[in-house]
Structures are given as C-alpha cells and as structure tokens.
Amino acid sequence: MTFIVGVTGGIGSGKTAATDYLATLGITVVDADIVAREVVEPGQPALASIVEHFGNAILQPDGKLNRAALREIVFADPSQRKVLEGITHPAISAAIMQQLHSAQSPYVVLASPLLLETPQHTLSHRVLLIDSPEHLQLERTAARDNVPAEQVKAIIKVQMPRAEKQQRAHDIILNDGSLSALHKALDHYHLQYLELAKKHE
C-alpha cells in the first residue's frame, strides 16, 4: 500500500492551493470532494439508488443530480439525510480506495475537508493540516465564493474546532502569508514524506 498523506483544513485555509502545488511536484492527489461529485454523475450506481429512493424530482432535465432540491429534502428531515449518506458514503469510500491503490507517485495525498471528522483519517499514515486564522478564512472565502461573511462563519462553526484539528494533525502549516511561503513550507514536508514513503515500502 502506498504511503498516504491526508491533507485537511477548514474552509478558506488554502488546502486546495497546497494540494495543487503538491500535484505540480508529481504527487497524485485524491480529492474527496471531487470523488463525492463523481459518484453521483449520471450512469453511476449511487445516482440510480438516490433516484430510486427520492424520486425523479431530484433530477435536472439533463439527468444530472439537482443538488439544491436534494439538499432541501435532507436538511428538512435528518432521517432522509441518513438514507442519503447510506447510499453515498460507501460509494465515495470505494472510489477513494480504488484511486489511492492505483496511485503511482512515491506517496499519495488524500485531500478532504472532513478528513478528521470522518473515518477517512484512518486511511492516512500522516495528517497534514493547512491551518489559517479565522479572519483570513473569512476574507478568502468571502472573496472566492462571493458570499457574506455571516455565511462563512456559520460553515466554520459546524467544522471541527481549529484547536482540535491542531491536536490531531501530525504536521501543521500555518498559512497566513504569501503563496510562496506556503510552497516553501510544503517543500519541507514533501521531502519528509518522500523519506517516510521509502521506509514504508
């Protein structure tokens, strides 16, 4: 099994900037968010199961999942959310495992915003937290997604507290400076992970 580095961070922490950079160094990145979207694409068994349970009303005219309609249903009824998770979580886990196993790079990154909140962290040999002060998370996310700060605050509130993430991570990069400072910090850990991956073989 390839050496797996789990990379996580709160919203607007710079997790994607970090994994994008590691990808330029030739490291395979398996992104849990992308996988979660892929498993509900038209033609995928998970989408068929969702339609079977929730009906055609959750489909767009082009046959794709109408996320907004589905979100409304599961937010209004926790039992429906459990049903949805029962369909999607196993499909996401299977797809993540398959991608991790087929990775050819010296080590592989599992990028997930909910790495520490879900059993996904058990797949990682090492956890790297891209950490950022809350005021920067707010600034970056509001600018990137063009959403009000209050909405970003609400998202931060439901994520695992920053201090708890810091305690549970093996490695932490405080991303409160420039992009080149982030890259420099990543270079340092990249070399460490190459060494750890060699020992892991």
N, C-alpha and C. Protein backbone atom coordinates (compact mmCIF):
# COMPACT_ATOMS: atom_id res chain seq x y z
N MET A 1 0.85 -1.21 0.00
CA MET A 1 0.00 0.00 0.00
C MET A 1 0.88 1.25 0.00
N THR A 2 0.59 2.16 -0.88
CA THR A 2 1.35 3.41 -0.97
C THR A 2 1.21 4.20 0.33
N PHE A 3 2.22 4.99 0.64
CA PHE A 3 2.19 5.87 1.82
C PHE A 3 1.18 6.98 1.55
N ILE A 4 0.23 7.14 2.46
CA ILE A 4 -0.86 8.12 2.25
C ILE A 4 -0.74 9.28 3.23
N VAL A 5 -0.74 10.49 2.68
CA VAL A 5 -0.74 11.71 3.49
C VAL A 5 -2.12 12.34 3.37
N GLY A 6 -2.84 12.43 4.49
CA GLY A 6 -4.14 13.10 4.49
C GLY A 6 -3.91 14.59 4.65
N VAL A 7 -4.49 15.38 3.75
CA VAL A 7 -4.35 16.84 3.85
C VAL A 7 -5.74 17.43 4.11
N THR A 8 -5.84 18.22 5.17
CA THR A 8 -7.12 18.82 5.51
C THR A 8 -6.93 20.27 5.95
N GLY A 9 -8.04 20.94 6.18
CA GLY A 9 -8.00 22.33 6.60
C GLY A 9 -9.41 22.88 6.53
N GLY A 10 -9.68 23.88 7.34
CA GLY A 10 -11.01 24.50 7.33
C GLY A 10 -11.25 25.24 6.03
N ILE A 11 -12.48 25.70 5.85
CA ILE A 11 -12.83 26.45 4.64
C ILE A 11 -11.94 27.70 4.54
N GLY A 12 -11.40 27.95 3.33
CA GLY A 12 -10.57 29.13 3.11
C GLY A 12 -9.19 29.06 3.73
N SER A 13 -8.77 27.86 4.14
CA SER A 13 -7.44 27.74 4.79
C SER A 13 -6.31 27.66 3.77
N GLY A 14 -6.66 27.30 2.53
CA GLY A 14 -5.63 27.17 1.50
C GLY A 14 -5.30 25.72 1.19
N LYS A 15 -6.19 24.82 1.59
CA LYS A 15 -5.96 23.38 1.36
C LYS A 15 -5.79 23.07 -0.13
N THR A 16 -6.65 23.67 -0.96
CA THR A 16 -6.58 23.39 -2.40
C THR A 16 -5.30 23.96 -3.00
N ALA A 17 -4.90 25.15 -2.55
CA ALA A 17 -3.64 25.74 -3.03
C ALA A 17 -2.47 24.81 -2.69
N ALA A 18 -2.55 24.19 -1.51
CA ALA A 18 -1.49 23.27 -1.06
C ALA A 18 -1.46 22.00 -1.91
N THR A 19 -2.63 21.39 -2.11
CA THR A 19 -2.65 20.14 -2.87
C THR A 19 -2.35 20.37 -4.35
N ASP A 20 -2.77 21.53 -4.88
CA ASP A 20 -2.43 21.87 -6.27
C ASP A 20 -0.92 21.95 -6.44
N TYR A 21 -0.25 22.51 -5.44
CA TYR A 21 1.21 22.63 -5.52
C TYR A 21 1.87 21.24 -5.44
N LEU A 22 1.39 20.40 -4.52
CA LEU A 22 1.96 19.04 -4.41
C LEU A 22 1.77 18.27 -5.71
N ALA A 23 0.65 18.53 -6.40
CA ALA A 23 0.42 17.88 -7.69
C ALA A 23 1.47 18.30 -8.72
N THR A 24 1.93 19.56 -8.64
CA THR A 24 2.98 20.02 -9.58
C THR A 24 4.32 19.34 -9.29
N LEU A 25 4.46 18.78 -8.08
CA LEU A 25 5.68 18.05 -7.72
C LEU A 25 5.57 16.57 -8.11
N GLY A 26 4.48 16.24 -8.80
CA GLY A 26 4.33 14.87 -9.28
C GLY A 26 3.61 13.93 -8.33
N ILE A 27 2.94 14.50 -7.34
CA ILE A 27 2.23 13.69 -6.35
C ILE A 27 0.76 13.55 -6.76
N THR A 28 0.27 12.32 -6.73
CA THR A 28 -1.15 12.08 -7.04
C THR A 28 -2.01 12.61 -5.90
N VAL A 29 -3.03 13.38 -6.25
CA VAL A 29 -3.96 13.91 -5.24
C VAL A 29 -5.33 13.29 -5.47
N VAL A 30 -5.83 12.60 -4.45
CA VAL A 30 -7.19 12.07 -4.49
C VAL A 30 -8.04 13.04 -3.65
N ASP A 31 -8.95 13.75 -4.30
CA ASP A 31 -9.74 14.79 -3.63
C ASP A 31 -11.13 14.24 -3.30
N ALA A 32 -11.42 14.12 -2.01
CA ALA A 32 -12.69 13.53 -1.56
C ALA A 32 -13.90 14.32 -2.09
N ASP A 33 -13.76 15.64 -2.20
CA ASP A 33 -14.87 16.47 -2.71
C ASP A 33 -15.18 16.14 -4.17
N ILE A 34 -14.10 15.96 -4.96
CA ILE A 34 -14.29 15.63 -6.38
C ILE A 34 -14.90 14.24 -6.52
N VAL A 35 -14.39 13.30 -5.72
CA VAL A 35 -14.93 11.93 -5.74
C VAL A 35 -16.42 11.94 -5.39
N ALA A 36 -16.78 12.75 -4.38
CA ALA A 36 -18.18 12.84 -3.94
C ALA A 36 -19.08 13.32 -5.08
N ARG A 37 -18.54 14.20 -5.93
CA ARG A 37 -19.33 14.67 -7.08
C ARG A 37 -19.39 13.59 -8.17
N GLU A 38 -18.26 12.90 -8.36
CA GLU A 38 -18.18 11.90 -9.44
C GLU A 38 -19.12 10.71 -9.21
N VAL A 39 -19.28 10.29 -7.94
CA VAL A 39 -20.09 9.09 -7.69
C VAL A 39 -21.58 9.31 -7.94
N VAL A 40 -22.00 10.58 -8.04
CA VAL A 40 -23.42 10.85 -8.33
C VAL A 40 -23.63 11.40 -9.75
N GLU A 41 -22.64 11.17 -10.62
CA GLU A 41 -22.80 11.55 -12.03
C GLU A 41 -23.80 10.61 -12.69
N PRO A 42 -24.46 11.06 -13.77
CA PRO A 42 -25.37 10.16 -14.49
C PRO A 42 -24.66 8.87 -14.91
N GLY A 43 -25.36 7.75 -14.75
CA GLY A 43 -24.76 6.45 -15.11
C GLY A 43 -24.10 5.75 -13.94
N GLN A 44 -23.91 6.48 -12.82
CA GLN A 44 -23.27 5.86 -11.65
C GLN A 44 -24.34 5.16 -10.80
N PRO A 45 -24.00 3.98 -10.23
CA PRO A 45 -24.98 3.24 -9.42
C PRO A 45 -25.54 4.06 -8.25
N ALA A 46 -24.71 4.92 -7.64
CA ALA A 46 -25.18 5.72 -6.49
C ALA A 46 -26.32 6.65 -6.90
N LEU A 47 -26.21 7.26 -8.09
CA LEU A 47 -27.27 8.16 -8.55
C LEU A 47 -28.57 7.37 -8.77
N ALA A 48 -28.44 6.18 -9.35
CA ALA A 48 -29.62 5.33 -9.58
C ALA A 48 -30.31 5.02 -8.24
N SER A 49 -29.51 4.71 -7.21
CA SER A 49 -30.08 4.41 -5.88
C SER A 49 -30.76 5.64 -5.27
N ILE A 50 -30.16 6.82 -5.48
CA ILE A 50 -30.74 8.06 -4.95
C ILE A 50 -32.09 8.33 -5.61
N VAL A 51 -32.15 8.16 -6.93
CA VAL A 51 -33.39 8.39 -7.66
C VAL A 51 -34.46 7.39 -7.23
N GLU A 52 -34.02 6.14 -7.03
CA GLU A 52 -34.94 5.08 -6.60
C GLU A 52 -35.63 5.46 -5.29
N HIS A 53 -34.86 6.08 -4.39
CA HIS A 53 -35.41 6.43 -3.08
C HIS A 53 -36.14 7.77 -3.09
N PHE A 54 -35.52 8.79 -3.70
CA PHE A 54 -36.05 10.16 -3.59
C PHE A 54 -36.95 10.55 -4.76
N GLY A 55 -36.94 9.75 -5.83
CA GLY A 55 -37.79 10.05 -6.98
C GLY A 55 -37.12 10.96 -8.00
N ASN A 56 -37.75 11.07 -9.18
CA ASN A 56 -37.17 11.84 -10.29
C ASN A 56 -37.13 13.33 -10.04
N ALA A 57 -37.85 13.79 -9.01
CA ALA A 57 -37.90 15.24 -8.71
C ALA A 57 -36.52 15.79 -8.36
N ILE A 58 -35.58 14.91 -7.96
CA ILE A 58 -34.24 15.40 -7.59
C ILE A 58 -33.29 15.39 -8.79
N LEU A 59 -33.85 15.18 -9.98
CA LEU A 59 -33.02 15.23 -11.19
C LEU A 59 -33.29 16.52 -11.97
N GLN A 60 -32.23 17.03 -12.61
CA GLN A 60 -32.39 18.15 -13.53
C GLN A 60 -32.88 17.59 -14.87
N PRO A 61 -33.37 18.46 -15.76
CA PRO A 61 -33.83 17.96 -17.08
C PRO A 61 -32.74 17.18 -17.83
N ASP A 62 -31.46 17.51 -17.61
CA ASP A 62 -30.38 16.81 -18.33
C ASP A 62 -29.99 15.48 -17.67
N GLY A 63 -30.73 15.10 -16.61
CA GLY A 63 -30.44 13.81 -15.97
C GLY A 63 -29.41 13.89 -14.85
N LYS A 64 -28.88 15.09 -14.64
CA LYS A 64 -27.90 15.26 -13.55
C LYS A 64 -28.63 15.51 -12.23
N LEU A 65 -27.92 15.27 -11.14
CA LEU A 65 -28.50 15.45 -9.81
C LEU A 65 -28.77 16.94 -9.55
N ASN A 66 -29.97 17.23 -9.08
CA ASN A 66 -30.31 18.59 -8.68
C ASN A 66 -29.95 18.71 -7.19
N ARG A 67 -28.74 19.18 -6.96
CA ARG A 67 -28.21 19.21 -5.58
C ARG A 67 -29.06 20.07 -4.65
N ALA A 68 -29.53 21.19 -5.17
CA ALA A 68 -30.31 22.12 -4.34
C ALA A 68 -31.60 21.45 -3.87
N ALA A 69 -32.28 20.75 -4.77
CA ALA A 69 -33.54 20.07 -4.42
C ALA A 69 -33.28 18.98 -3.38
N LEU A 70 -32.20 18.23 -3.58
CA LEU A 70 -31.87 17.15 -2.65
C LEU A 70 -31.48 17.72 -1.28
N ARG A 71 -30.71 18.81 -1.32
CA ARG A 71 -30.26 19.45 -0.08
C ARG A 71 -31.46 19.89 0.76
N GLU A 72 -32.47 20.44 0.09
CA GLU A 72 -33.67 20.89 0.80
C GLU A 72 -34.35 19.74 1.53
N ILE A 73 -34.44 18.59 0.86
CA ILE A 73 -35.10 17.41 1.45
C ILE A 73 -34.32 16.92 2.69
N VAL A 74 -33.00 16.77 2.53
CA VAL A 74 -32.23 16.18 3.63
C VAL A 74 -32.01 17.15 4.79
N PHE A 75 -32.03 18.44 4.52
CA PHE A 75 -31.90 19.41 5.62
C PHE A 75 -33.17 19.45 6.44
N ALA A 76 -34.30 19.24 5.77
CA ALA A 76 -35.59 19.29 6.46
C ALA A 76 -35.85 18.02 7.28
N ASP A 77 -35.21 16.93 6.90
CA ASP A 77 -35.51 15.64 7.54
C ASP A 77 -34.24 14.83 7.76
N PRO A 78 -33.74 14.79 9.02
CA PRO A 78 -32.49 14.06 9.32
C PRO A 78 -32.52 12.59 8.91
N SER A 79 -33.71 11.96 8.96
CA SER A 79 -33.77 10.53 8.60
C SER A 79 -33.48 10.35 7.10
N GLN A 80 -33.90 11.34 6.29
CA GLN A 80 -33.61 11.27 4.85
C GLN A 80 -32.12 11.50 4.59
N ARG A 81 -31.54 12.33 5.43
CA ARG A 81 -30.09 12.58 5.29
C ARG A 81 -29.30 11.30 5.56
N LYS A 82 -29.76 10.53 6.56
CA LYS A 82 -29.12 9.24 6.88
C LYS A 82 -29.22 8.28 5.69
N VAL A 83 -30.40 8.28 5.04
CA VAL A 83 -30.59 7.42 3.86
C VAL A 83 -29.58 7.82 2.78
N LEU A 84 -29.48 9.13 2.53
CA LEU A 84 -28.58 9.64 1.50
C LEU A 84 -27.13 9.25 1.81
N GLU A 85 -26.74 9.45 3.07
CA GLU A 85 -25.36 9.11 3.48
C GLU A 85 -25.11 7.61 3.33
N GLY A 86 -26.15 6.82 3.62
CA GLY A 86 -26.04 5.36 3.48
C GLY A 86 -25.77 4.93 2.04
N ILE A 87 -26.24 5.76 1.11
CA ILE A 87 -26.01 5.47 -0.33
C ILE A 87 -24.65 6.01 -0.77
N THR A 88 -24.39 7.29 -0.41
CA THR A 88 -23.21 7.94 -0.98
C THR A 88 -21.90 7.57 -0.28
N HIS A 89 -21.92 7.44 1.06
CA HIS A 89 -20.66 7.20 1.77
C HIS A 89 -19.92 5.93 1.32
N PRO A 90 -20.63 4.79 1.22
CA PRO A 90 -19.90 3.59 0.75
C PRO A 90 -19.36 3.76 -0.67
N ALA A 91 -20.12 4.44 -1.53
CA ALA A 91 -19.68 4.66 -2.92
C ALA A 91 -18.44 5.56 -2.94
N ILE A 92 -18.45 6.61 -2.11
CA ILE A 92 -17.30 7.53 -2.03
C ILE A 92 -16.07 6.78 -1.49
N SER A 93 -16.27 6.00 -0.41
CA SER A 93 -15.15 5.25 0.19
C SER A 93 -14.53 4.29 -0.81
N ALA A 94 -15.38 3.57 -1.54
CA ALA A 94 -14.88 2.59 -2.52
C ALA A 94 -14.07 3.29 -3.61
N ALA A 95 -14.59 4.43 -4.09
CA ALA A 95 -13.90 5.17 -5.17
C ALA A 95 -12.57 5.75 -4.67
N ILE A 96 -12.56 6.25 -3.43
CA ILE A 96 -11.33 6.80 -2.84
C ILE A 96 -10.28 5.68 -2.72
N MET A 97 -10.70 4.53 -2.19
CA MET A 97 -9.77 3.40 -2.02
C MET A 97 -9.18 2.98 -3.36
N GLN A 98 -10.03 2.91 -4.36
CA GLN A 98 -9.57 2.48 -5.69
C GLN A 98 -8.53 3.46 -6.24
N GLN A 99 -8.79 4.76 -6.06
CA GLN A 99 -7.85 5.78 -6.57
C GLN A 99 -6.55 5.79 -5.77
N LEU A 100 -6.65 5.59 -4.45
CA LEU A 100 -5.43 5.55 -3.62
C LEU A 100 -4.55 4.37 -4.02
N HIS A 101 -5.20 3.22 -4.25
CA HIS A 101 -4.45 2.00 -4.58
C HIS A 101 -3.80 2.07 -5.95
N SER A 102 -4.42 2.81 -6.87
CA SER A 102 -3.86 2.83 -8.22
C SER A 102 -2.86 3.98 -8.43
N ALA A 103 -2.63 4.78 -7.38
CA ALA A 103 -1.69 5.91 -7.49
C ALA A 103 -0.27 5.40 -7.73
N GLN A 104 0.44 6.07 -8.62
CA GLN A 104 1.81 5.65 -8.98
C GLN A 104 2.89 6.54 -8.38
N SER A 105 2.51 7.63 -7.70
CA SER A 105 3.53 8.56 -7.18
C SER A 105 4.18 7.98 -5.91
N PRO A 106 5.35 8.53 -5.48
CA PRO A 106 6.06 7.99 -4.32
C PRO A 106 5.19 7.94 -3.07
N TYR A 107 4.37 8.96 -2.88
CA TYR A 107 3.33 8.92 -1.85
C TYR A 107 2.08 9.53 -2.48
N VAL A 108 0.94 9.37 -1.84
CA VAL A 108 -0.30 9.88 -2.42
C VAL A 108 -1.01 10.74 -1.39
N VAL A 109 -1.65 11.82 -1.86
CA VAL A 109 -2.36 12.73 -0.97
C VAL A 109 -3.86 12.43 -1.02
N LEU A 110 -4.45 12.30 0.17
CA LEU A 110 -5.91 12.23 0.28
C LEU A 110 -6.38 13.58 0.82
N ALA A 111 -6.95 14.40 -0.05
CA ALA A 111 -7.39 15.74 0.35
C ALA A 111 -8.86 15.69 0.74
N SER A 112 -9.16 16.11 1.96
CA SER A 112 -10.55 16.08 2.41
C SER A 112 -10.79 17.11 3.50
N PRO A 113 -11.81 17.98 3.31
CA PRO A 113 -12.11 18.96 4.36
C PRO A 113 -12.61 18.29 5.64
N LEU A 114 -13.19 17.09 5.49
CA LEU A 114 -13.75 16.38 6.66
C LEU A 114 -12.89 15.17 7.05
N LEU A 115 -11.62 15.24 6.73
CA LEU A 115 -10.72 14.10 6.99
C LEU A 115 -10.79 13.64 8.44
N LEU A 116 -10.73 14.61 9.37
CA LEU A 116 -10.68 14.27 10.80
C LEU A 116 -12.06 14.00 11.38
N GLU A 117 -13.10 14.47 10.68
CA GLU A 117 -14.47 14.27 11.18
C GLU A 117 -15.06 12.93 10.74
N THR A 118 -14.42 12.29 9.77
CA THR A 118 -14.94 11.04 9.20
C THR A 118 -13.89 9.93 9.36
N PRO A 119 -14.27 8.68 9.07
CA PRO A 119 -13.27 7.60 9.17
C PRO A 119 -12.14 7.72 8.14
N GLN A 120 -12.22 8.73 7.25
CA GLN A 120 -11.17 8.88 6.22
C GLN A 120 -9.77 9.02 6.82
N HIS A 121 -9.68 9.62 8.02
CA HIS A 121 -8.34 9.81 8.60
C HIS A 121 -7.66 8.47 8.89
N THR A 122 -8.45 7.41 9.03
CA THR A 122 -7.85 6.09 9.32
C THR A 122 -7.11 5.55 8.10
N LEU A 123 -7.36 6.11 6.92
CA LEU A 123 -6.65 5.68 5.71
C LEU A 123 -5.26 6.33 5.62
N SER A 124 -5.07 7.41 6.38
CA SER A 124 -3.84 8.20 6.25
C SER A 124 -2.77 7.72 7.22
N HIS A 125 -1.54 7.65 6.70
CA HIS A 125 -0.41 7.32 7.57
C HIS A 125 0.07 8.58 8.30
N ARG A 126 -0.25 9.71 7.72
CA ARG A 126 0.19 11.01 8.26
C ARG A 126 -0.85 12.05 7.91
N VAL A 127 -1.12 12.97 8.83
CA VAL A 127 -2.12 14.02 8.56
C VAL A 127 -1.43 15.39 8.57
N LEU A 128 -1.60 16.11 7.46
CA LEU A 128 -1.07 17.47 7.34
C LEU A 128 -2.23 18.45 7.39
N LEU A 129 -2.19 19.35 8.35
CA LEU A 129 -3.24 20.36 8.48
C LEU A 129 -2.75 21.68 7.89
N ILE A 130 -3.52 22.20 6.93
CA ILE A 130 -3.25 23.56 6.44
C ILE A 130 -4.12 24.46 7.31
N ASP A 131 -3.45 25.21 8.16
CA ASP A 131 -4.13 25.96 9.21
C ASP A 131 -4.13 27.45 8.86
N SER A 132 -5.17 28.12 9.29
CA SER A 132 -5.28 29.54 8.97
C SER A 132 -6.12 30.25 10.02
N PRO A 133 -5.73 31.46 10.42
CA PRO A 133 -6.55 32.21 11.38
C PRO A 133 -7.94 32.47 10.81
N GLU A 134 -8.94 32.53 11.69
CA GLU A 134 -10.33 32.65 11.23
C GLU A 134 -10.56 33.89 10.37
N HIS A 135 -9.92 35.01 10.72
CA HIS A 135 -10.17 36.23 9.94
C HIS A 135 -9.72 36.06 8.49
N LEU A 136 -8.66 35.27 8.29
CA LEU A 136 -8.20 35.02 6.91
C LEU A 136 -9.13 34.05 6.19
N GLN A 137 -9.63 33.04 6.93
CA GLN A 137 -10.60 32.10 6.34
C GLN A 137 -11.81 32.89 5.82
N LEU A 138 -12.29 33.84 6.65
CA LEU A 138 -13.45 34.66 6.27
C LEU A 138 -13.14 35.50 5.04
N GLU A 139 -12.00 36.17 5.06
CA GLU A 139 -11.62 37.05 3.94
C GLU A 139 -11.53 36.27 2.64
N ARG A 140 -10.76 35.16 2.70
CA ARG A 140 -10.51 34.38 1.47
C ARG A 140 -11.80 33.79 0.91
N THR A 141 -12.61 33.18 1.78
CA THR A 141 -13.82 32.51 1.30
C THR A 141 -14.84 33.52 0.77
N ALA A 142 -15.01 34.63 1.48
CA ALA A 142 -15.94 35.67 1.03
C ALA A 142 -15.53 36.19 -0.34
N ALA A 143 -14.20 36.38 -0.53
CA ALA A 143 -13.70 36.89 -1.81
C ALA A 143 -13.84 35.83 -2.92
N ARG A 144 -13.52 34.57 -2.58
CA ARG A 144 -13.52 33.50 -3.58
C ARG A 144 -14.94 33.13 -4.02
N ASP A 145 -15.83 32.96 -3.03
CA ASP A 145 -17.17 32.46 -3.34
C ASP A 145 -18.22 33.57 -3.42
N ASN A 146 -17.77 34.80 -3.13
CA ASN A 146 -18.67 35.96 -3.19
C ASN A 146 -19.89 35.75 -2.28
N VAL A 147 -19.63 35.27 -1.06
CA VAL A 147 -20.71 35.04 -0.09
C VAL A 147 -20.50 35.94 1.13
N PRO A 148 -21.58 36.28 1.83
CA PRO A 148 -21.43 37.13 3.01
C PRO A 148 -20.64 36.44 4.13
N ALA A 149 -19.93 37.25 4.91
CA ALA A 149 -19.09 36.73 6.00
C ALA A 149 -19.90 35.88 6.98
N GLU A 150 -21.16 36.27 7.21
CA GLU A 150 -22.00 35.52 8.16
C GLU A 150 -22.16 34.06 7.73
N GLN A 151 -22.32 33.86 6.43
CA GLN A 151 -22.48 32.51 5.89
C GLN A 151 -21.21 31.69 6.11
N VAL A 152 -20.07 32.33 5.90
CA VAL A 152 -18.78 31.64 6.10
C VAL A 152 -18.60 31.30 7.58
N LYS A 153 -18.99 32.24 8.44
CA LYS A 153 -18.90 31.99 9.90
C LYS A 153 -19.73 30.77 10.30
N ALA A 154 -20.91 30.65 9.71
CA ALA A 154 -21.80 29.52 10.00
C ALA A 154 -21.14 28.20 9.59
N ILE A 155 -20.45 28.21 8.45
CA ILE A 155 -19.75 27.00 7.98
C ILE A 155 -18.60 26.65 8.92
N ILE A 156 -17.83 27.68 9.32
CA ILE A 156 -16.70 27.46 10.24
C ILE A 156 -17.21 26.85 11.55
N LYS A 157 -18.35 27.34 12.00
CA LYS A 157 -18.93 26.89 13.27
C LYS A 157 -19.23 25.38 13.29
N VAL A 158 -19.69 24.84 12.14
CA VAL A 158 -20.03 23.41 12.12
C VAL A 158 -18.81 22.52 11.83
N GLN A 159 -17.70 23.13 11.43
CA GLN A 159 -16.49 22.34 11.21
C GLN A 159 -15.81 22.08 12.56
N MET A 160 -14.97 21.05 12.59
CA MET A 160 -14.24 20.74 13.82
C MET A 160 -13.44 21.96 14.27
N PRO A 161 -13.47 22.28 15.59
CA PRO A 161 -12.71 23.45 16.06
C PRO A 161 -11.24 23.38 15.67
N ARG A 162 -10.70 24.56 15.37
CA ARG A 162 -9.31 24.66 14.90
C ARG A 162 -8.34 24.00 15.88
N ALA A 163 -8.54 24.26 17.18
CA ALA A 163 -7.62 23.72 18.19
C ALA A 163 -7.62 22.19 18.19
N GLU A 164 -8.79 21.61 17.98
CA GLU A 164 -8.89 20.14 17.96
C GLU A 164 -8.17 19.57 16.73
N LYS A 165 -8.32 20.26 15.61
CA LYS A 165 -7.62 19.82 14.39
C LYS A 165 -6.11 19.86 14.61
N GLN A 166 -5.66 20.94 15.27
CA GLN A 166 -4.22 21.10 15.51
C GLN A 166 -3.70 19.94 16.38
N GLN A 167 -4.50 19.54 17.36
CA GLN A 167 -4.08 18.44 18.25
C GLN A 167 -3.99 17.12 17.51
N ARG A 168 -4.87 16.94 16.53
CA ARG A 168 -4.96 15.62 15.88
C ARG A 168 -4.07 15.47 14.65
N ALA A 169 -3.51 16.58 14.17
CA ALA A 169 -2.65 16.51 12.98
C ALA A 169 -1.22 16.17 13.39
N HIS A 170 -0.52 15.46 12.52
CA HIS A 170 0.91 15.18 12.75
C HIS A 170 1.74 16.41 12.39
N ASP A 171 1.34 17.06 11.30
CA ASP A 171 2.10 18.19 10.76
C ASP A 171 1.14 19.36 10.52
N ILE A 172 1.63 20.57 10.77
CA ILE A 172 0.79 21.76 10.60
C ILE A 172 1.55 22.83 9.83
N ILE A 173 0.89 23.39 8.81
CA ILE A 173 1.45 24.56 8.13
C ILE A 173 0.50 25.72 8.42
N LEU A 174 1.04 26.76 9.04
CA LEU A 174 0.22 27.96 9.27
C LEU A 174 0.26 28.80 8.00
N ASN A 175 -0.85 28.82 7.29
CA ASN A 175 -0.91 29.51 6.00
C ASN A 175 -1.48 30.91 6.21
N ASP A 176 -0.63 31.81 6.72
CA ASP A 176 -1.09 33.19 6.97
C ASP A 176 -0.25 34.21 6.23
N GLY A 177 0.53 33.70 5.25
CA GLY A 177 1.39 34.62 4.49
C GLY A 177 1.16 34.49 2.99
N SER A 178 2.25 34.58 2.25
CA SER A 178 2.15 34.55 0.78
C SER A 178 2.06 33.12 0.27
N LEU A 179 1.72 33.00 -1.01
CA LEU A 179 1.66 31.68 -1.65
C LEU A 179 3.05 31.05 -1.70
N SER A 180 4.07 31.88 -1.91
CA SER A 180 5.43 31.32 -1.96
C SER A 180 5.88 30.81 -0.59
N ALA A 181 5.39 31.44 0.48
CA ALA A 181 5.70 30.94 1.83
C ALA A 181 5.03 29.57 2.06
N LEU A 182 3.81 29.43 1.55
CA LEU A 182 3.12 28.14 1.64
C LEU A 182 3.89 27.07 0.87
N HIS A 183 4.33 27.42 -0.34
CA HIS A 183 5.07 26.46 -1.17
C HIS A 183 6.38 26.04 -0.50
N LYS A 184 7.05 27.00 0.14
CA LYS A 184 8.32 26.70 0.82
C LYS A 184 8.09 25.71 1.96
N ALA A 185 7.02 25.93 2.73
CA ALA A 185 6.68 25.03 3.84
C ALA A 185 6.34 23.64 3.30
N LEU A 186 5.64 23.61 2.16
CA LEU A 186 5.28 22.32 1.54
C LEU A 186 6.50 21.58 1.02
N ASP A 187 7.47 22.33 0.49
CA ASP A 187 8.72 21.69 0.02
C ASP A 187 9.38 20.92 1.16
N HIS A 188 9.39 21.53 2.34
CA HIS A 188 10.00 20.92 3.53
C HIS A 188 9.30 19.58 3.86
N TYR A 189 7.97 19.61 3.89
CA TYR A 189 7.23 18.39 4.23
C TYR A 189 7.28 17.36 3.10
N HIS A 190 7.31 17.85 1.87
CA HIS A 190 7.39 16.95 0.71
C HIS A 190 8.63 16.04 0.83
N LEU A 191 9.75 16.65 1.20
CA LEU A 191 10.99 15.87 1.36
C LEU A 191 10.85 14.85 2.49
N GLN A 192 10.22 15.28 3.57
CA GLN A 192 9.97 14.37 4.71
C GLN A 192 9.11 13.19 4.29
N TYR A 193 8.05 13.49 3.52
CA TYR A 193 7.12 12.43 3.12
C TYR A 193 7.78 11.46 2.14
N LEU A 194 8.68 11.97 1.30
CA LEU A 194 9.42 11.08 0.38
C LEU A 194 10.25 10.09 1.19
N GLU A 195 10.88 10.60 2.25
CA GLU A 195 11.70 9.73 3.13
C GLU A 195 10.82 8.70 3.85
N LEU A 196 9.70 9.16 4.40
CA LEU A 196 8.79 8.26 5.12
C LEU A 196 8.21 7.20 4.18
N ALA A 197 7.93 7.61 2.95
CA ALA A 197 7.38 6.67 1.96
C ALA A 197 8.40 5.57 1.64
N LYS A 198 9.69 5.95 1.58
CA LYS A 198 10.75 4.96 1.32
C LYS A 198 10.79 3.93 2.43
N LYS A 199 10.72 4.41 3.68
CA LYS A 199 10.77 3.50 4.84
C LYS A 199 9.53 2.61 4.88
N HIS A 200 8.44 3.14 4.35
CA HIS A 200 7.14 2.44 4.42
C HIS A 200 7.08 1.25 3.46
N GLU A 201 7.90 1.32 2.40
CA GLU A 201 7.83 0.29 1.34
C GLU A 201 8.01 -1.12 1.88
